[in-house]
Amino acid sequence: MADRDPDAIKQDIDRARDQLASTVDLLAERTNPRRLADDAKAKAVRLVKTPAVTISLVGVGALTIVLVIRKIRNR
């Protein structure tokens, strides 16, 4: 190993420590349960608002109402 200046070594250590701290902060933000839940909720809302899904949900709702009414009438 080449002899290195102690100040240069300290600077390298400080730089590595700062990079590690940034990485840990980023990972903590990405894995925050509240953030993950909010992201999943936003994704689900976007999916439900698409025309194909909205029409399908209306169709399923209408079919359910018809089946419930038939069941009530056939008693």
PDB file of N, CA and C in Angstrom:
ATOM      1  N   MET A   1       0.831  -1.178   0.000  1.00  0.00           N
ATOM      2  CA  MET A   1       0.000   0.000   0.000  1.00  0.00           C
ATOM      3  C   MET A   1       0.878   1.245   0.000  1.00  0.00           C
ATOM      4  N   ALA A   2       0.430   2.208  -0.726  1.00  0.00           N
ATOM      5  CA  ALA A   2       1.169   3.472  -0.779  1.00  0.00           C
ATOM      6  C   ALA A   2       0.861   4.286   0.465  1.00  0.00           C
ATOM      7  N   ASP A   3       1.876   5.022   0.878  1.00  0.00           N
ATOM      8  CA  ASP A   3       1.655   5.906   2.027  1.00  0.00           C
ATOM      9  C   ASP A   3       0.730   7.031   1.596  1.00  0.00           C
ATOM     10  N   ARG A   4      -0.261   7.282   2.444  1.00  0.00           N
ATOM     11  CA  ARG A   4      -1.225   8.339   2.123  1.00  0.00           C
ATOM     12  C   ARG A   4      -1.212   9.369   3.239  1.00  0.00           C
ATOM     13  N   ASP A   5      -1.525  10.552   2.861  1.00  0.00           N
ATOM     14  CA  ASP A   5      -1.612  11.663   3.802  1.00  0.00           C
ATOM     15  C   ASP A   5      -2.800  11.429   4.734  1.00  0.00           C
ATOM     16  N   PRO A   6      -2.624  11.563   6.029  1.00  0.00           N
ATOM     17  CA  PRO A   6      -3.731  11.357   6.974  1.00  0.00           C
ATOM     18  C   PRO A   6      -4.930  12.267   6.689  1.00  0.00           C
ATOM     19  N   ASP A   7      -4.679  13.472   6.222  1.00  0.00           N
ATOM     20  CA  ASP A   7      -5.787  14.375   5.903  1.00  0.00           C
ATOM     21  C   ASP A   7      -6.591  13.856   4.708  1.00  0.00           C
ATOM     22  N   ALA A   8      -5.897  13.275   3.728  1.00  0.00           N
ATOM     23  CA  ALA A   8      -6.593  12.713   2.565  1.00  0.00           C
ATOM     24  C   ALA A   8      -7.433  11.509   2.991  1.00  0.00           C
ATOM     25  N   ILE A   9      -6.884  10.698   3.878  1.00  0.00           N
ATOM     26  CA  ILE A   9      -7.633   9.538   4.387  1.00  0.00           C
ATOM     27  C   ILE A   9      -8.873  10.007   5.137  1.00  0.00           C
ATOM     28  N   LYS A  10      -8.711  11.046   5.968  1.00  0.00           N
ATOM     29  CA  LYS A  10      -9.850  11.578   6.720  1.00  0.00           C
ATOM     30  C   LYS A  10     -10.921  12.112   5.770  1.00  0.00           C
ATOM     31  N   GLN A  11     -10.502  12.797   4.709  1.00  0.00           N
ATOM     32  CA  GLN A  11     -11.460  13.316   3.730  1.00  0.00           C
ATOM     33  C   GLN A  11     -12.206  12.174   3.042  1.00  0.00           C
ATOM     34  N   ASP A  12     -11.487  11.106   2.709  1.00  0.00           N
ATOM     35  CA  ASP A  12     -12.123   9.944   2.086  1.00  0.00           C
ATOM     36  C   ASP A  12     -13.154   9.307   3.035  1.00  0.00           C
ATOM     37  N   ILE A  13     -12.774   9.207   4.290  1.00  0.00           N
ATOM     38  CA  ILE A  13     -13.685   8.630   5.287  1.00  0.00           C
ATOM     39  C   ILE A  13     -14.923   9.520   5.445  1.00  0.00           C
ATOM     40  N   ASP A  14     -14.715  10.828   5.522  1.00  0.00           N
ATOM     41  CA  ASP A  14     -15.846  11.760   5.658  1.00  0.00           C
ATOM     42  C   ASP A  14     -16.777  11.684   4.443  1.00  0.00           C
ATOM     43  N   ARG A  15     -16.183  11.603   3.256  1.00  0.00           N
ATOM     44  CA  ARG A  15     -16.980  11.503   2.022  1.00  0.00           C
ATOM     45  C   ARG A  15     -17.784  10.204   2.019  1.00  0.00           C
ATOM     46  N   ALA A  16     -17.143   9.104   2.398  1.00  0.00           N
ATOM     47  CA  ALA A  16     -17.816   7.809   2.447  1.00  0.00           C
ATOM     48  C   ALA A  16     -18.935   7.831   3.489  1.00  0.00           C
ATOM     49  N   ARG A  17     -18.705   8.463   4.627  1.00  0.00           N
ATOM     50  CA  ARG A  17     -19.716   8.568   5.683  1.00  0.00           C
ATOM     51  C   ARG A  17     -20.928   9.366   5.178  1.00  0.00           C
ATOM     52  N   ASP A  18     -20.682  10.466   4.472  1.00  0.00           N
ATOM     53  CA  ASP A  18     -21.780  11.272   3.932  1.00  0.00           C
ATOM     54  C   ASP A  18     -22.588  10.496   2.892  1.00  0.00           C
ATOM     55  N   GLN A  19     -21.889   9.743   2.031  1.00  0.00           N
ATOM     56  CA  GLN A  19     -22.587   8.937   1.023  1.00  0.00           C
ATOM     57  C   GLN A  19     -23.424   7.849   1.694  1.00  0.00           C
ATOM     58  N   LEU A  20     -22.879   7.226   2.713  1.00  0.00           N
ATOM     59  CA  LEU A  20     -23.603   6.187   3.438  1.00  0.00           C
ATOM     60  C   LEU A  20     -24.832   6.767   4.130  1.00  0.00           C
ATOM     61  N   ALA A  21     -24.687   7.941   4.736  1.00  0.00           N
ATOM     62  CA  ALA A  21     -25.816   8.597   5.397  1.00  0.00           C
ATOM     63  C   ALA A  21     -26.911   8.926   4.382  1.00  0.00           C
ATOM     64  N   SER A  22     -26.537   9.401   3.219  1.00  0.00           N
ATOM     65  CA  SER A  22     -27.515   9.712   2.175  1.00  0.00           C
ATOM     66  C   SER A  22     -28.240   8.453   1.724  1.00  0.00           C
ATOM     67  N   THR A  23     -27.493   7.375   1.562  1.00  0.00           N
ATOM     68  CA  THR A  23     -28.094   6.112   1.146  1.00  0.00           C
ATOM     69  C   THR A  23     -29.067   5.592   2.195  1.00  0.00           C
ATOM     70  N   VAL A  24     -28.688   5.658   3.447  1.00  0.00           N
ATOM     71  CA  VAL A  24     -29.560   5.198   4.537  1.00  0.00           C
ATOM     72  C   VAL A  24     -30.829   6.052   4.585  1.00  0.00           C
ATOM     73  N   ASP A  25     -30.694   7.358   4.435  1.00  0.00           N
ATOM     74  CA  ASP A  25     -31.870   8.241   4.429  1.00  0.00           C
ATOM     75  C   ASP A  25     -32.800   7.915   3.264  1.00  0.00           C
ATOM     76  N   LEU A  26     -32.227   7.671   2.106  1.00  0.00           N
ATOM     77  CA  LEU A  26     -33.032   7.329   0.933  1.00  0.00           C
ATOM     78  C   LEU A  26     -33.770   6.008   1.140  1.00  0.00           C
ATOM     79  N   LEU A  27     -33.089   5.018   1.679  1.00  0.00           N
ATOM     80  CA  LEU A  27     -33.734   3.729   1.950  1.00  0.00           C
ATOM     81  C   LEU A  27     -34.832   3.863   2.997  1.00  0.00           C
ATOM     82  N   ALA A  28     -34.598   4.669   4.012  1.00  0.00           N
ATOM     83  CA  ALA A  28     -35.617   4.886   5.045  1.00  0.00           C
ATOM     84  C   ALA A  28     -36.854   5.541   4.442  1.00  0.00           C
ATOM     85  N   GLU A  29     -36.652   6.477   3.532  1.00  0.00           N
ATOM     86  CA  GLU A  29     -37.786   7.142   2.883  1.00  0.00           C
ATOM     87  C   GLU A  29     -38.542   6.167   1.985  1.00  0.00           C
ATOM     88  N   ARG A  30     -37.829   5.364   1.227  1.00  0.00           N
ATOM     89  CA  ARG A  30     -38.470   4.420   0.305  1.00  0.00           C
ATOM     90  C   ARG A  30     -39.266   3.340   1.021  1.00  0.00           C
ATOM     91  N   THR A  31     -38.831   2.955   2.208  1.00  0.00           N
ATOM     92  CA  THR A  31     -39.493   1.863   2.920  1.00  0.00           C
ATOM     93  C   THR A  31     -40.433   2.340   4.016  1.00  0.00           C
ATOM     94  N   ASN A  32     -40.704   3.624   4.051  1.00  0.00           N
ATOM     95  CA  ASN A  32     -41.628   4.171   5.037  1.00  0.00           C
ATOM     96  C   ASN A  32     -43.025   3.573   4.798  1.00  0.00           C
ATOM     97  N   PRO A  33     -43.610   2.893   5.786  1.00  0.00           N
ATOM     98  CA  PRO A  33     -44.920   2.250   5.596  1.00  0.00           C
ATOM     99  C   PRO A  33     -46.012   3.231   5.170  1.00  0.00           C
ATOM    100  N   ARG A  34     -46.016   4.422   5.709  1.00  0.00           N
ATOM    101  CA  ARG A  34     -47.036   5.416   5.336  1.00  0.00           C
ATOM    102  C   ARG A  34     -46.904   5.762   3.854  1.00  0.00           C
ATOM    103  N   ARG A  35     -45.674   5.964   3.400  1.00  0.00           N
ATOM    104  CA  ARG A  35     -45.438   6.306   2.000  1.00  0.00           C
ATOM    105  C   ARG A  35     -45.838   5.145   1.090  1.00  0.00           C
ATOM    106  N   LEU A  36     -45.491   3.929   1.483  1.00  0.00           N
ATOM    107  CA  LEU A  36     -45.856   2.765   0.679  1.00  0.00           C
ATOM    108  C   LEU A  36     -47.368   2.625   0.582  1.00  0.00           C
ATOM    109  N   ALA A  37     -48.074   2.843   1.695  1.00  0.00           N
ATOM    110  CA  ALA A  37     -49.532   2.757   1.688  1.00  0.00           C
ATOM    111  C   ALA A  37     -50.139   3.854   0.816  1.00  0.00           C
ATOM    112  N   ASP A  38     -49.607   5.062   0.916  1.00  0.00           N
ATOM    113  CA  ASP A  38     -50.110   6.166   0.099  1.00  0.00           C
ATOM    114  C   ASP A  38     -49.879   5.901  -1.388  1.00  0.00           C
ATOM    115  N   ASP A  39     -48.715   5.361  -1.721  1.00  0.00           N
ATOM    116  CA  ASP A  39     -48.423   5.035  -3.123  1.00  0.00           C
ATOM    117  C   ASP A  39     -49.367   3.953  -3.648  1.00  0.00           C
ATOM    118  N   ALA A  40     -49.618   2.920  -2.834  1.00  0.00           N
ATOM    119  CA  ALA A  40     -50.525   1.847  -3.249  1.00  0.00           C
ATOM    120  C   ALA A  40     -51.938   2.384  -3.417  1.00  0.00           C
ATOM    121  N   LYS A  41     -52.360   3.246  -2.522  1.00  0.00           N
ATOM    122  CA  LYS A  41     -53.696   3.834  -2.609  1.00  0.00           C
ATOM    123  C   LYS A  41     -53.826   4.676  -3.875  1.00  0.00           C
ATOM    124  N   ALA A  42     -52.829   5.492  -4.161  1.00  0.00           N
ATOM    125  CA  ALA A  42     -52.856   6.336  -5.362  1.00  0.00           C
ATOM    126  C   ALA A  42     -52.885   5.483  -6.626  1.00  0.00           C
ATOM    127  N   LYS A  43     -52.133   4.393  -6.632  1.00  0.00           N
ATOM    128  CA  LYS A  43     -52.113   3.510  -7.790  1.00  0.00           C
ATOM    129  C   LYS A  43     -53.480   2.847  -7.991  1.00  0.00           C
ATOM    130  N   ALA A  44     -54.110   2.431  -6.881  1.00  0.00           N
ATOM    131  CA  ALA A  44     -55.434   1.802  -6.968  1.00  0.00           C
ATOM    132  C   ALA A  44     -56.476   2.797  -7.469  1.00  0.00           C
ATOM    133  N   VAL A  45     -56.415   4.026  -6.994  1.00  0.00           N
ATOM    134  CA  VAL A  45     -57.368   5.050  -7.435  1.00  0.00           C
ATOM    135  C   VAL A  45     -57.188   5.334  -8.928  1.00  0.00           C
ATOM    136  N   ARG A  46     -55.935   5.427  -9.384  1.00  0.00           N
ATOM    137  CA  ARG A  46     -55.691   5.641 -10.819  1.00  0.00           C
ATOM    138  C   ARG A  46     -56.240   4.490 -11.640  1.00  0.00           C
ATOM    139  N   LEU A  47     -56.078   3.263 -11.142  1.00  0.00           N
ATOM    140  CA  LEU A  47     -56.572   2.089 -11.854  1.00  0.00           C
ATOM    141  C   LEU A  47     -58.082   2.104 -11.942  1.00  0.00           C
ATOM    142  N   VAL A  48     -58.746   2.416 -10.838  1.00  0.00           N
ATOM    143  CA  VAL A  48     -60.214   2.404 -10.813  1.00  0.00           C
ATOM    144  C   VAL A  48     -60.781   3.508 -11.692  1.00  0.00           C
ATOM    145  N   LYS A  49     -60.064   4.588 -11.848  1.00  0.00           N
ATOM    146  CA  LYS A  49     -60.558   5.704 -12.653  1.00  0.00           C
ATOM    147  C   LYS A  49     -60.393   5.484 -14.160  1.00  0.00           C
ATOM    148  N   THR A  50     -59.730   4.423 -14.566  1.00  0.00           N
ATOM    149  CA  THR A  50     -59.612   4.156 -15.995  1.00  0.00           C
ATOM    150  C   THR A  50     -60.984   3.728 -16.520  1.00  0.00           C
ATOM    151  N   PRO A  51     -61.326   4.122 -17.743  1.00  0.00           N
ATOM    152  CA  PRO A  51     -62.662   3.836 -18.276  1.00  0.00           C
ATOM    153  C   PRO A  51     -63.023   2.350 -18.273  1.00  0.00           C
ATOM    154  N   ALA A  52     -62.116   1.487 -18.637  1.00  0.00           N
ATOM    155  CA  ALA A  52     -62.423   0.058 -18.712  1.00  0.00           C
ATOM    156  C   ALA A  52     -62.804  -0.495 -17.337  1.00  0.00           C
ATOM    157  N   VAL A  53     -62.075  -0.121 -16.321  1.00  0.00           N
ATOM    158  CA  VAL A  53     -62.358  -0.610 -14.970  1.00  0.00           C
ATOM    159  C   VAL A  53     -63.650  -0.005 -14.449  1.00  0.00           C
ATOM    160  N   THR A  54     -63.872   1.276 -14.701  1.00  0.00           N
ATOM    161  CA  THR A  54     -65.097   1.934 -14.251  1.00  0.00           C
ATOM    162  C   THR A  54     -66.316   1.269 -14.870  1.00  0.00           C
ATOM    163  N   ILE A  55     -66.283   1.011 -16.157  1.00  0.00           N
ATOM    164  CA  ILE A  55     -67.409   0.364 -16.839  1.00  0.00           C
ATOM    165  C   ILE A  55     -67.615  -1.045 -16.297  1.00  0.00           C
ATOM    166  N   SER A  56     -66.538  -1.752 -16.061  1.00  0.00           N
ATOM    167  CA  SER A  56     -66.646  -3.100 -15.512  1.00  0.00           C
ATOM    168  C   SER A  56     -67.269  -3.081 -14.119  1.00  0.00           C
ATOM    169  N   LEU A  57     -66.861  -2.154 -13.282  1.00  0.00           N
ATOM    170  CA  LEU A  57     -67.425  -2.056 -11.939  1.00  0.00           C
ATOM    171  C   LEU A  57     -68.910  -1.701 -11.977  1.00  0.00           C
ATOM    172  N   VAL A  58     -69.300  -0.830 -12.897  1.00  0.00           N
ATOM    173  CA  VAL A  58     -70.718  -0.491 -13.044  1.00  0.00           C
ATOM    174  C   VAL A  58     -71.491  -1.726 -13.482  1.00  0.00           C
ATOM    175  N   GLY A  59     -70.938  -2.491 -14.411  1.00  0.00           N
ATOM    176  CA  GLY A  59     -71.592  -3.715 -14.871  1.00  0.00           C
ATOM    177  C   GLY A  59     -71.753  -4.731 -13.757  1.00  0.00           C
ATOM    178  N   VAL A  60     -70.720  -4.930 -12.970  1.00  0.00           N
ATOM    179  CA  VAL A  60     -70.783  -5.875 -11.854  1.00  0.00           C
ATOM    180  C   VAL A  60     -71.800  -5.398 -10.819  1.00  0.00           C
ATOM    181  N   GLY A  61     -71.839  -4.104 -10.554  1.00  0.00           N
ATOM    182  CA  GLY A  61     -72.815  -3.555  -9.618  1.00  0.00           C
ATOM    183  C   GLY A  61     -74.234  -3.754 -10.103  1.00  0.00           C
ATOM    184  N   ALA A  62     -74.467  -3.494 -11.386  1.00  0.00           N
ATOM    185  CA  ALA A  62     -75.805  -3.677 -11.948  1.00  0.00           C
ATOM    186  C   ALA A  62     -76.213  -5.144 -11.898  1.00  0.00           C
ATOM    187  N   LEU A  63     -75.312  -6.045 -12.227  1.00  0.00           N
ATOM    188  CA  LEU A  63     -75.607  -7.475 -12.180  1.00  0.00           C
ATOM    189  C   LEU A  63     -75.932  -7.909 -10.758  1.00  0.00           C
ATOM    190  N   THR A  64     -75.195  -7.397  -9.798  1.00  0.00           N
ATOM    191  CA  THR A  64     -75.453  -7.727  -8.396  1.00  0.00           C
ATOM    192  C   THR A  64     -76.843  -7.265  -7.979  1.00  0.00           C
ATOM    193  N   ILE A  65     -77.214  -6.058  -8.372  1.00  0.00           N
ATOM    194  CA  ILE A  65     -78.549  -5.541  -8.030  1.00  0.00           C
ATOM    195  C   ILE A  65     -79.637  -6.405  -8.647  1.00  0.00           C
ATOM    196  N   VAL A  66     -79.454  -6.784  -9.904  1.00  0.00           N
ATOM    197  CA  VAL A  66     -80.458  -7.639 -10.581  1.00  0.00           C
ATOM    198  C   VAL A  66     -80.572  -8.981  -9.862  1.00  0.00           C
ATOM    199  N   LEU A  67     -79.466  -9.587  -9.502  1.00  0.00           N
ATOM    200  CA  LEU A  67     -79.504 -10.881  -8.818  1.00  0.00           C
ATOM    201  C   LEU A  67     -80.157 -10.779  -7.438  1.00  0.00           C
ATOM    202  N   VAL A  68     -79.887  -9.710  -6.719  1.00  0.00           N
ATOM    203  CA  VAL A  68     -80.507  -9.518  -5.402  1.00  0.00           C
ATOM    204  C   VAL A  68     -82.012  -9.329  -5.549  1.00  0.00           C
ATOM    205  N   ILE A  69     -82.421  -8.537  -6.515  1.00  0.00           N
ATOM    206  CA  ILE A  69     -83.864  -8.328  -6.731  1.00  0.00           C
ATOM    207  C   ILE A  69     -84.544  -9.648  -7.113  1.00  0.00           C
ATOM    208  N   ARG A  70     -83.935 -10.443  -7.981  1.00  0.00           N
ATOM    209  CA  ARG A  70     -84.510 -11.739  -8.360  1.00  0.00           C
ATOM    210  C   ARG A  70     -84.637 -12.654  -7.151  1.00  0.00           C
ATOM    211  N   LYS A  71     -83.622 -12.675  -6.323  1.00  0.00           N
ATOM    212  CA  LYS A  71     -83.644 -13.545  -5.138  1.00  0.00           C
ATOM    213  C   LYS A  71     -84.771 -13.115  -4.195  1.00  0.00           C
ATOM    214  N   ILE A  72     -84.951 -11.815  -4.021  1.00  0.00           N
ATOM    215  CA  ILE A  72     -86.006 -11.300  -3.149  1.00  0.00           C
ATOM    216  C   ILE A  72     -87.378 -11.676  -3.708  1.00  0.00           C
ATOM    217  N   ARG A  73     -87.577 -11.554  -5.009  1.00  0.00           N
ATOM    218  CA  ARG A  73     -88.876 -11.839  -5.654  1.00  0.00           C
ATOM    219  C   ARG A  73     -89.207 -13.338  -5.612  1.00  0.00           C
ATOM    220  N   ASN A  74     -88.202 -14.188  -5.672  1.00  0.00           N
ATOM    221  CA  ASN A  74     -88.442 -15.635  -5.722  1.00  0.00           C
ATOM    222  C   ASN A  74     -88.663 -16.262  -4.350  1.00  0.00           C
ATOM    223  N   ARG A  75     -88.774 -15.520  -3.336  1.00  0.00           N
ATOM    224  CA  ARG A  75     -88.991 -16.074  -1.991  1.00  0.00           C
ATOM    225  C   ARG A  75     -90.391 -16.530  -1.807  1.00  0.00           C
TER     226      ARG A  75
END
